[in-house]
Amino acid sequence: MRDEHAALDIVQDAMLKLADKYADNPVEELPMLFQRILQNTIRDHYRRQKVRSTWITLFSSLFPQHGEEEHDPLDTLQDKDNNSQAPTPDVSLAQTQVLALIEEALIKLPARQREAFLLRYWEDMDTATTAAVMGCSEGSVKTHCSRATHALAVALKEKGVDLS
């Protein structure tokens, strides 16, 4: 977890759940119970975060502006000196159309591939964290991501979209 405040909130929530529901249990059982509660609380956090994420912000940050060769999606999200300019209507329309195609392609992916892809690339988790959230091995995460990336590339290419 990269956000220290969110991590502390998750640990606090897990501790409160442990104290609330298992206060009468023997002390020897508490570490294992806390571990399971913490894992579930982390999963719940990432699920809520994924639902709250806005697709348009995430996807529109993927496309370079006119004249840019290299592009860091995070640069698009920063607003230096509050000088942001809205994209021109034609750029906005093109982005909206590509976003719709990407969403359509994502929805068609199998659930595990979609989950692995979104956690790895949109939530920027490493393979180990993604595996922990998904409850599978790191090898499975790599396989799901590889298959998802290939399927998305094929689906978008069929629609005439080249993101390279």
N, C-alpha and C. Protein backbone atom coordinates (compact mmCIF):
# COMPACT_ATOMS: atom_id res chain seq x y z
N MET A 1 0.85 -1.16 0.00
CA MET A 1 0.00 0.00 0.00
C MET A 1 0.90 1.23 0.00
N ARG A 2 0.66 2.12 -0.93
CA ARG A 2 1.52 3.29 -1.08
C ARG A 2 1.07 4.48 -0.24
N ASP A 3 -0.19 4.50 0.14
CA ASP A 3 -0.72 5.62 0.90
C ASP A 3 -0.69 5.26 2.38
N GLU A 4 0.21 5.92 3.11
CA GLU A 4 0.40 5.59 4.52
C GLU A 4 -0.87 5.84 5.33
N HIS A 5 -1.59 6.92 5.02
CA HIS A 5 -2.81 7.23 5.77
C HIS A 5 -3.88 6.17 5.53
N ALA A 6 -4.02 5.72 4.30
CA ALA A 6 -5.00 4.67 4.01
C ALA A 6 -4.60 3.37 4.70
N ALA A 7 -3.30 3.07 4.72
CA ALA A 7 -2.82 1.86 5.39
C ALA A 7 -3.14 1.91 6.88
N LEU A 8 -2.90 3.05 7.50
CA LEU A 8 -3.20 3.19 8.92
C LEU A 8 -4.71 3.07 9.18
N ASP A 9 -5.52 3.63 8.31
CA ASP A 9 -6.97 3.50 8.44
C ASP A 9 -7.41 2.05 8.34
N ILE A 10 -6.81 1.31 7.41
CA ILE A 10 -7.16 -0.10 7.24
C ILE A 10 -6.80 -0.90 8.48
N VAL A 11 -5.60 -0.67 9.01
CA VAL A 11 -5.18 -1.38 10.23
C VAL A 11 -6.11 -1.02 11.39
N GLN A 12 -6.45 0.25 11.51
CA GLN A 12 -7.35 0.67 12.58
C GLN A 12 -8.72 0.01 12.43
N ASP A 13 -9.26 -0.03 11.22
CA ASP A 13 -10.55 -0.68 10.99
C ASP A 13 -10.49 -2.16 11.36
N ALA A 14 -9.39 -2.81 10.98
CA ALA A 14 -9.23 -4.23 11.29
C ALA A 14 -9.16 -4.45 12.81
N MET A 15 -8.45 -3.58 13.50
CA MET A 15 -8.34 -3.71 14.95
C MET A 15 -9.70 -3.51 15.63
N LEU A 16 -10.45 -2.54 15.14
CA LEU A 16 -11.78 -2.30 15.70
C LEU A 16 -12.71 -3.49 15.47
N LYS A 17 -12.64 -4.08 14.28
CA LYS A 17 -13.46 -5.27 13.99
C LYS A 17 -13.07 -6.42 14.90
N LEU A 18 -11.77 -6.60 15.12
CA LEU A 18 -11.29 -7.66 16.00
C LEU A 18 -11.80 -7.44 17.42
N ALA A 19 -11.66 -6.22 17.92
CA ALA A 19 -12.09 -5.91 19.28
C ALA A 19 -13.60 -6.03 19.42
N ASP A 20 -14.32 -5.63 18.40
CA ASP A 20 -15.78 -5.65 18.45
C ASP A 20 -16.35 -7.06 18.41
N LYS A 21 -15.82 -7.89 17.53
CA LYS A 21 -16.43 -9.21 17.30
C LYS A 21 -15.77 -10.35 18.06
N TYR A 22 -14.50 -10.20 18.43
CA TYR A 22 -13.77 -11.32 19.01
C TYR A 22 -13.15 -11.01 20.37
N ALA A 23 -13.69 -10.06 21.08
CA ALA A 23 -13.13 -9.67 22.39
C ALA A 23 -13.16 -10.82 23.39
N ASP A 24 -14.12 -11.74 23.26
CA ASP A 24 -14.26 -12.84 24.21
C ASP A 24 -13.43 -14.06 23.85
N ASN A 25 -12.78 -14.06 22.70
CA ASN A 25 -11.98 -15.21 22.29
C ASN A 25 -10.69 -15.29 23.10
N PRO A 26 -10.11 -16.50 23.18
CA PRO A 26 -8.82 -16.64 23.89
C PRO A 26 -7.73 -15.83 23.19
N VAL A 27 -6.78 -15.34 23.96
CA VAL A 27 -5.71 -14.48 23.46
C VAL A 27 -4.89 -15.18 22.38
N GLU A 28 -4.73 -16.51 22.48
CA GLU A 28 -3.92 -17.24 21.50
C GLU A 28 -4.53 -17.18 20.10
N GLU A 29 -5.83 -17.04 19.99
CA GLU A 29 -6.50 -17.03 18.69
C GLU A 29 -6.45 -15.66 18.01
N LEU A 30 -6.21 -14.61 18.77
CA LEU A 30 -6.31 -13.25 18.24
C LEU A 30 -5.33 -12.94 17.10
N PRO A 31 -4.06 -13.36 17.14
CA PRO A 31 -3.18 -13.03 16.01
C PRO A 31 -3.67 -13.58 14.67
N MET A 32 -4.12 -14.82 14.65
CA MET A 32 -4.62 -15.41 13.40
C MET A 32 -5.92 -14.74 12.96
N LEU A 33 -6.79 -14.46 13.91
CA LEU A 33 -8.02 -13.76 13.57
C LEU A 33 -7.73 -12.38 13.00
N PHE A 34 -6.79 -11.68 13.64
CA PHE A 34 -6.44 -10.34 13.16
C PHE A 34 -5.86 -10.40 11.74
N GLN A 35 -5.03 -11.39 11.49
CA GLN A 35 -4.43 -11.53 10.15
C GLN A 35 -5.53 -11.70 9.09
N ARG A 36 -6.50 -12.54 9.37
CA ARG A 36 -7.59 -12.78 8.41
C ARG A 36 -8.45 -11.51 8.25
N ILE A 37 -8.77 -10.87 9.34
CA ILE A 37 -9.58 -9.65 9.28
C ILE A 37 -8.83 -8.57 8.50
N LEU A 38 -7.53 -8.44 8.73
CA LEU A 38 -6.73 -7.45 8.02
C LEU A 38 -6.71 -7.74 6.52
N GLN A 39 -6.52 -8.99 6.13
CA GLN A 39 -6.53 -9.36 4.71
C GLN A 39 -7.88 -8.99 4.07
N ASN A 40 -8.96 -9.32 4.75
CA ASN A 40 -10.29 -9.01 4.22
C ASN A 40 -10.53 -7.50 4.14
N THR A 41 -10.04 -6.77 5.11
CA THR A 41 -10.20 -5.32 5.11
C THR A 41 -9.41 -4.69 3.96
N ILE A 42 -8.21 -5.21 3.70
CA ILE A 42 -7.42 -4.72 2.56
C ILE A 42 -8.15 -5.00 1.26
N ARG A 43 -8.66 -6.21 1.09
CA ARG A 43 -9.42 -6.54 -0.12
C ARG A 43 -10.62 -5.61 -0.29
N ASP A 44 -11.35 -5.40 0.80
CA ASP A 44 -12.51 -4.51 0.74
C ASP A 44 -12.10 -3.09 0.32
N HIS A 45 -10.97 -2.62 0.84
CA HIS A 45 -10.48 -1.29 0.49
C HIS A 45 -10.22 -1.19 -1.01
N TYR A 46 -9.52 -2.18 -1.56
CA TYR A 46 -9.20 -2.14 -2.98
C TYR A 46 -10.44 -2.29 -3.85
N ARG A 47 -11.41 -3.08 -3.39
CA ARG A 47 -12.65 -3.19 -4.15
C ARG A 47 -13.39 -1.85 -4.18
N ARG A 48 -13.49 -1.21 -3.03
CA ARG A 48 -14.16 0.10 -2.97
C ARG A 48 -13.41 1.12 -3.81
N GLN A 49 -12.08 1.10 -3.73
CA GLN A 49 -11.27 2.05 -4.49
C GLN A 49 -11.48 1.84 -5.99
N LYS A 50 -11.56 0.60 -6.40
CA LYS A 50 -11.75 0.29 -7.82
C LYS A 50 -13.10 0.81 -8.29
N VAL A 51 -14.12 0.64 -7.49
CA VAL A 51 -15.45 1.11 -7.87
C VAL A 51 -15.49 2.63 -7.93
N ARG A 52 -14.79 3.29 -7.02
CA ARG A 52 -14.81 4.75 -6.98
C ARG A 52 -14.01 5.40 -8.11
N SER A 53 -13.08 4.66 -8.66
CA SER A 53 -12.23 5.23 -9.71
C SER A 53 -13.07 5.63 -10.91
N THR A 54 -12.81 6.77 -11.43
CA THR A 54 -13.53 7.21 -12.62
C THR A 54 -12.79 6.77 -13.86
N TRP A 55 -13.53 6.11 -14.73
CA TRP A 55 -12.93 5.56 -15.94
C TRP A 55 -12.37 6.67 -16.83
N ILE A 56 -13.06 7.73 -16.96
CA ILE A 56 -12.62 8.76 -17.91
C ILE A 56 -11.28 9.34 -17.48
N THR A 57 -11.11 9.62 -16.21
CA THR A 57 -9.84 10.18 -15.74
C THR A 57 -8.71 9.20 -15.99
N LEU A 58 -8.96 7.94 -15.69
CA LEU A 58 -7.92 6.95 -15.87
C LEU A 58 -7.55 6.75 -17.34
N PHE A 59 -8.56 6.61 -18.17
CA PHE A 59 -8.27 6.31 -19.57
C PHE A 59 -7.77 7.52 -20.34
N SER A 60 -8.32 8.69 -20.06
CA SER A 60 -7.88 9.86 -20.82
C SER A 60 -6.43 10.20 -20.51
N SER A 61 -5.94 9.78 -19.34
CA SER A 61 -4.55 10.06 -19.00
C SER A 61 -3.57 9.17 -19.76
N LEU A 62 -4.08 8.21 -20.50
CA LEU A 62 -3.21 7.30 -21.23
C LEU A 62 -2.72 7.86 -22.55
N PHE A 63 -3.42 8.81 -23.09
CA PHE A 63 -3.14 9.24 -24.44
C PHE A 63 -2.31 10.51 -24.44
N PRO A 64 -1.22 10.51 -25.20
CA PRO A 64 -0.37 11.70 -25.24
C PRO A 64 -1.08 12.86 -25.92
N GLN A 65 -0.73 14.05 -25.49
CA GLN A 65 -1.25 15.25 -26.13
C GLN A 65 -0.52 15.44 -27.44
N HIS A 66 -1.03 16.30 -28.30
CA HIS A 66 -0.42 16.52 -29.60
C HIS A 66 1.04 16.96 -29.45
N GLY A 67 1.93 16.31 -30.22
CA GLY A 67 3.32 16.71 -30.23
C GLY A 67 4.18 16.04 -29.18
N GLU A 68 3.61 15.29 -28.27
CA GLU A 68 4.40 14.61 -27.24
C GLU A 68 4.84 13.26 -27.77
N GLU A 69 6.12 12.92 -27.52
CA GLU A 69 6.59 11.60 -27.92
C GLU A 69 6.49 10.64 -26.74
N GLU A 70 7.13 10.99 -25.64
CA GLU A 70 7.03 10.17 -24.45
C GLU A 70 5.94 10.77 -23.57
N HIS A 71 5.24 9.88 -22.87
CA HIS A 71 4.10 10.36 -22.10
C HIS A 71 4.01 9.61 -20.78
N ASP A 72 3.97 10.36 -19.72
CA ASP A 72 3.75 9.78 -18.40
C ASP A 72 2.32 10.13 -17.99
N PRO A 73 1.44 9.12 -17.81
CA PRO A 73 0.05 9.41 -17.47
C PRO A 73 -0.11 10.29 -16.24
N LEU A 74 0.83 10.21 -15.29
CA LEU A 74 0.70 11.03 -14.08
C LEU A 74 0.90 12.51 -14.37
N ASP A 75 1.67 12.83 -15.41
CA ASP A 75 1.87 14.24 -15.77
C ASP A 75 0.55 14.88 -16.18
N THR A 76 -0.31 14.14 -16.82
CA THR A 76 -1.59 14.67 -17.27
C THR A 76 -2.48 15.02 -16.09
N LEU A 77 -2.34 14.27 -15.01
CA LEU A 77 -3.21 14.48 -13.85
C LEU A 77 -2.76 15.65 -12.99
N GLN A 78 -1.52 16.10 -13.16
CA GLN A 78 -1.03 17.21 -12.36
C GLN A 78 -1.45 18.53 -12.98
N ASP A 79 -1.73 19.48 -12.14
CA ASP A 79 -2.16 20.80 -12.61
C ASP A 79 -1.17 21.83 -12.09
N LYS A 80 -0.09 22.03 -12.84
CA LYS A 80 0.95 22.96 -12.41
C LYS A 80 0.44 24.40 -12.53
N ASP A 81 0.50 25.15 -11.45
CA ASP A 81 0.11 26.56 -11.38
C ASP A 81 -1.32 26.80 -11.86
N ASN A 82 -2.15 25.77 -11.79
CA ASN A 82 -3.57 25.90 -12.14
C ASN A 82 -3.76 26.42 -13.57
N ASN A 83 -2.93 25.95 -14.50
CA ASN A 83 -2.99 26.40 -15.88
C ASN A 83 -3.56 25.34 -16.82
N SER A 84 -4.39 24.46 -16.33
CA SER A 84 -4.95 23.40 -17.17
C SER A 84 -5.79 24.01 -18.27
N GLN A 85 -5.73 23.38 -19.42
CA GLN A 85 -6.58 23.80 -20.51
C GLN A 85 -7.41 22.61 -20.94
N ALA A 86 -8.66 22.84 -21.21
CA ALA A 86 -9.53 21.78 -21.66
C ALA A 86 -9.10 21.34 -23.06
N PRO A 87 -9.24 20.05 -23.37
CA PRO A 87 -8.87 19.61 -24.71
C PRO A 87 -9.83 20.21 -25.75
N THR A 88 -9.33 20.32 -26.95
CA THR A 88 -10.18 20.83 -28.03
C THR A 88 -11.31 19.84 -28.27
N PRO A 89 -12.42 20.27 -28.86
CA PRO A 89 -13.56 19.37 -29.06
C PRO A 89 -13.21 18.11 -29.85
N ASP A 90 -12.38 18.23 -30.88
CA ASP A 90 -12.04 17.05 -31.66
C ASP A 90 -11.20 16.06 -30.86
N VAL A 91 -10.28 16.56 -30.04
CA VAL A 91 -9.48 15.69 -29.19
C VAL A 91 -10.37 15.05 -28.13
N SER A 92 -11.26 15.82 -27.56
CA SER A 92 -12.18 15.31 -26.55
C SER A 92 -13.07 14.22 -27.13
N LEU A 93 -13.59 14.42 -28.33
CA LEU A 93 -14.44 13.42 -28.97
C LEU A 93 -13.65 12.15 -29.25
N ALA A 94 -12.43 12.29 -29.77
CA ALA A 94 -11.60 11.12 -30.06
C ALA A 94 -11.30 10.34 -28.78
N GLN A 95 -10.98 11.05 -27.70
CA GLN A 95 -10.72 10.37 -26.43
C GLN A 95 -11.97 9.65 -25.93
N THR A 96 -13.10 10.28 -26.03
CA THR A 96 -14.35 9.67 -25.58
C THR A 96 -14.64 8.40 -26.37
N GLN A 97 -14.41 8.44 -27.67
CA GLN A 97 -14.67 7.27 -28.51
C GLN A 97 -13.71 6.13 -28.17
N VAL A 98 -12.44 6.46 -27.97
CA VAL A 98 -11.46 5.43 -27.62
C VAL A 98 -11.78 4.86 -26.24
N LEU A 99 -12.17 5.72 -25.31
CA LEU A 99 -12.53 5.25 -23.96
C LEU A 99 -13.69 4.27 -24.02
N ALA A 100 -14.66 4.57 -24.84
CA ALA A 100 -15.82 3.68 -24.97
C ALA A 100 -15.38 2.32 -25.51
N LEU A 101 -14.47 2.33 -26.47
CA LEU A 101 -13.97 1.07 -27.03
C LEU A 101 -13.17 0.28 -26.00
N ILE A 102 -12.36 0.99 -25.21
CA ILE A 102 -11.57 0.32 -24.17
C ILE A 102 -12.49 -0.27 -23.11
N GLU A 103 -13.48 0.49 -22.67
CA GLU A 103 -14.44 -0.03 -21.69
C GLU A 103 -15.14 -1.26 -22.21
N GLU A 104 -15.57 -1.19 -23.45
CA GLU A 104 -16.26 -2.33 -24.07
C GLU A 104 -15.35 -3.55 -24.09
N ALA A 105 -14.09 -3.36 -24.45
CA ALA A 105 -13.14 -4.47 -24.48
C ALA A 105 -12.86 -5.01 -23.08
N LEU A 106 -12.75 -4.12 -22.09
CA LEU A 106 -12.52 -4.55 -20.71
C LEU A 106 -13.67 -5.38 -20.18
N ILE A 107 -14.88 -4.96 -20.48
CA ILE A 107 -16.07 -5.67 -19.99
C ILE A 107 -16.12 -7.09 -20.54
N LYS A 108 -15.60 -7.28 -21.74
CA LYS A 108 -15.63 -8.60 -22.37
C LYS A 108 -14.56 -9.55 -21.85
N LEU A 109 -13.58 -9.02 -21.12
CA LEU A 109 -12.54 -9.89 -20.56
C LEU A 109 -13.13 -10.79 -19.48
N PRO A 110 -12.56 -11.98 -19.30
CA PRO A 110 -12.95 -12.79 -18.14
C PRO A 110 -12.68 -12.03 -16.85
N ALA A 111 -13.46 -12.29 -15.84
CA ALA A 111 -13.40 -11.53 -14.58
C ALA A 111 -12.01 -11.50 -13.96
N ARG A 112 -11.32 -12.63 -13.90
CA ARG A 112 -10.01 -12.68 -13.26
C ARG A 112 -8.97 -11.90 -14.07
N GLN A 113 -9.06 -11.97 -15.40
CA GLN A 113 -8.14 -11.20 -16.24
C GLN A 113 -8.39 -9.71 -16.04
N ARG A 114 -9.65 -9.31 -16.02
CA ARG A 114 -9.99 -7.90 -15.83
C ARG A 114 -9.50 -7.41 -14.48
N GLU A 115 -9.72 -8.22 -13.43
CA GLU A 115 -9.29 -7.84 -12.08
C GLU A 115 -7.77 -7.68 -12.02
N ALA A 116 -7.04 -8.66 -12.55
CA ALA A 116 -5.58 -8.59 -12.53
C ALA A 116 -5.08 -7.39 -13.31
N PHE A 117 -5.65 -7.16 -14.48
CA PHE A 117 -5.24 -6.04 -15.33
C PHE A 117 -5.47 -4.70 -14.62
N LEU A 118 -6.65 -4.52 -14.06
CA LEU A 118 -6.97 -3.25 -13.41
C LEU A 118 -6.11 -3.02 -12.16
N LEU A 119 -5.90 -4.05 -11.37
CA LEU A 119 -5.07 -3.89 -10.18
C LEU A 119 -3.62 -3.58 -10.54
N ARG A 120 -3.08 -4.29 -11.53
CA ARG A 120 -1.67 -4.09 -11.90
C ARG A 120 -1.44 -2.75 -12.59
N TYR A 121 -2.28 -2.43 -13.56
CA TYR A 121 -1.98 -1.28 -14.40
C TYR A 121 -2.74 -0.02 -14.02
N TRP A 122 -3.95 -0.11 -13.53
CA TRP A 122 -4.68 1.10 -13.15
C TRP A 122 -4.41 1.46 -11.71
N GLU A 123 -4.34 0.46 -10.83
CA GLU A 123 -4.08 0.73 -9.42
C GLU A 123 -2.58 0.73 -9.14
N ASP A 124 -1.77 0.38 -10.13
CA ASP A 124 -0.32 0.42 -10.05
C ASP A 124 0.24 -0.43 -8.90
N MET A 125 -0.35 -1.61 -8.71
CA MET A 125 0.15 -2.52 -7.69
C MET A 125 1.24 -3.40 -8.29
N ASP A 126 2.16 -3.84 -7.44
CA ASP A 126 3.15 -4.79 -7.93
C ASP A 126 2.52 -6.18 -7.97
N THR A 127 3.27 -7.12 -8.54
CA THR A 127 2.73 -8.47 -8.73
C THR A 127 2.39 -9.13 -7.39
N ALA A 128 3.24 -8.97 -6.40
CA ALA A 128 3.01 -9.61 -5.10
C ALA A 128 1.75 -9.06 -4.43
N THR A 129 1.56 -7.75 -4.46
CA THR A 129 0.38 -7.15 -3.85
C THR A 129 -0.88 -7.57 -4.59
N THR A 130 -0.82 -7.58 -5.91
CA THR A 130 -1.96 -8.01 -6.71
C THR A 130 -2.32 -9.46 -6.38
N ALA A 131 -1.31 -10.31 -6.27
CA ALA A 131 -1.55 -11.71 -5.93
C ALA A 131 -2.21 -11.83 -4.56
N ALA A 132 -1.77 -11.03 -3.60
CA ALA A 132 -2.36 -11.06 -2.26
C ALA A 132 -3.82 -10.61 -2.29
N VAL A 133 -4.10 -9.55 -3.03
CA VAL A 133 -5.47 -9.04 -3.11
C VAL A 133 -6.38 -10.05 -3.80
N MET A 134 -5.87 -10.68 -4.87
CA MET A 134 -6.67 -11.63 -5.63
C MET A 134 -6.72 -13.01 -4.98
N GLY A 135 -5.83 -13.27 -4.04
CA GLY A 135 -5.81 -14.58 -3.39
C GLY A 135 -5.28 -15.67 -4.31
N CYS A 136 -4.25 -15.35 -5.10
CA CYS A 136 -3.66 -16.34 -6.01
C CYS A 136 -2.15 -16.15 -6.03
N SER A 137 -1.47 -16.94 -6.85
CA SER A 137 -0.01 -16.85 -6.92
C SER A 137 0.42 -15.71 -7.84
N GLU A 138 1.68 -15.30 -7.71
CA GLU A 138 2.21 -14.25 -8.58
C GLU A 138 2.24 -14.71 -10.04
N GLY A 139 2.49 -15.99 -10.24
CA GLY A 139 2.48 -16.54 -11.60
C GLY A 139 1.12 -16.42 -12.25
N SER A 140 0.06 -16.64 -11.46
CA SER A 140 -1.30 -16.50 -11.98
C SER A 140 -1.59 -15.06 -12.37
N VAL A 141 -1.12 -14.12 -11.55
CA VAL A 141 -1.31 -12.70 -11.86
C VAL A 141 -0.63 -12.36 -13.19
N LYS A 142 0.60 -12.84 -13.36
CA LYS A 142 1.33 -12.57 -14.60
C LYS A 142 0.61 -13.16 -15.81
N THR A 143 0.09 -14.37 -15.64
CA THR A 143 -0.63 -15.03 -16.73
C THR A 143 -1.90 -14.26 -17.07
N HIS A 144 -2.68 -13.90 -16.04
CA HIS A 144 -3.92 -13.15 -16.27
C HIS A 144 -3.63 -11.81 -16.95
N CYS A 145 -2.60 -11.11 -16.49
CA CYS A 145 -2.26 -9.80 -17.08
C CYS A 145 -1.81 -9.94 -18.53
N SER A 146 -1.01 -10.94 -18.80
CA SER A 146 -0.53 -11.15 -20.15
C SER A 146 -1.70 -11.45 -21.10
N ARG A 147 -2.58 -12.32 -20.66
CA ARG A 147 -3.74 -12.67 -21.49
C ARG A 147 -4.67 -11.47 -21.68
N ALA A 148 -4.86 -10.70 -20.62
CA ALA A 148 -5.73 -9.53 -20.72
C ALA A 148 -5.14 -8.49 -21.67
N THR A 149 -3.85 -8.24 -21.55
CA THR A 149 -3.19 -7.27 -22.42
C THR A 149 -3.29 -7.69 -23.88
N HIS A 150 -3.05 -8.96 -24.13
CA HIS A 150 -3.13 -9.46 -25.51
C HIS A 150 -4.57 -9.34 -26.03
N ALA A 151 -5.54 -9.75 -25.23
CA ALA A 151 -6.95 -9.69 -25.66
C ALA A 151 -7.40 -8.25 -25.92
N LEU A 152 -6.97 -7.32 -25.06
CA LEU A 152 -7.33 -5.91 -25.26
C LEU A 152 -6.70 -5.36 -26.53
N ALA A 153 -5.43 -5.69 -26.75
CA ALA A 153 -4.75 -5.21 -27.95
C ALA A 153 -5.44 -5.72 -29.21
N VAL A 154 -5.81 -7.00 -29.21
CA VAL A 154 -6.49 -7.58 -30.37
C VAL A 154 -7.84 -6.92 -30.57
N ALA A 155 -8.61 -6.77 -29.49
CA ALA A 155 -9.95 -6.17 -29.59
C ALA A 155 -9.87 -4.73 -30.10
N LEU A 156 -8.92 -3.96 -29.60
CA LEU A 156 -8.80 -2.57 -30.04
C LEU A 156 -8.29 -2.47 -31.47
N LYS A 157 -7.37 -3.35 -31.84
CA LYS A 157 -6.86 -3.34 -33.21
C LYS A 157 -7.97 -3.66 -34.20
N GLU A 158 -8.87 -4.58 -33.81
CA GLU A 158 -10.01 -4.91 -34.68
C GLU A 158 -10.92 -3.69 -34.89
N LYS A 159 -10.94 -2.80 -33.93
CA LYS A 159 -11.76 -1.59 -34.02
C LYS A 159 -10.99 -0.44 -34.66
N GLY A 160 -9.74 -0.69 -35.04
CA GLY A 160 -8.95 0.34 -35.71
C GLY A 160 -8.20 1.26 -34.77
N VAL A 161 -8.03 0.87 -33.52
CA VAL A 161 -7.32 1.68 -32.54
C VAL A 161 -5.92 1.14 -32.36
N ASP A 162 -4.92 1.99 -32.57
CA ASP A 162 -3.53 1.61 -32.37
C ASP A 162 -2.95 2.51 -31.28
N LEU A 163 -2.67 1.94 -30.10
CA LEU A 163 -2.18 2.73 -28.96
C LEU A 163 -0.66 2.75 -28.88
N SER A 164 0.02 2.17 -29.84
CA SER A 164 1.49 2.14 -29.76
C SER A 164 2.12 3.45 -30.14
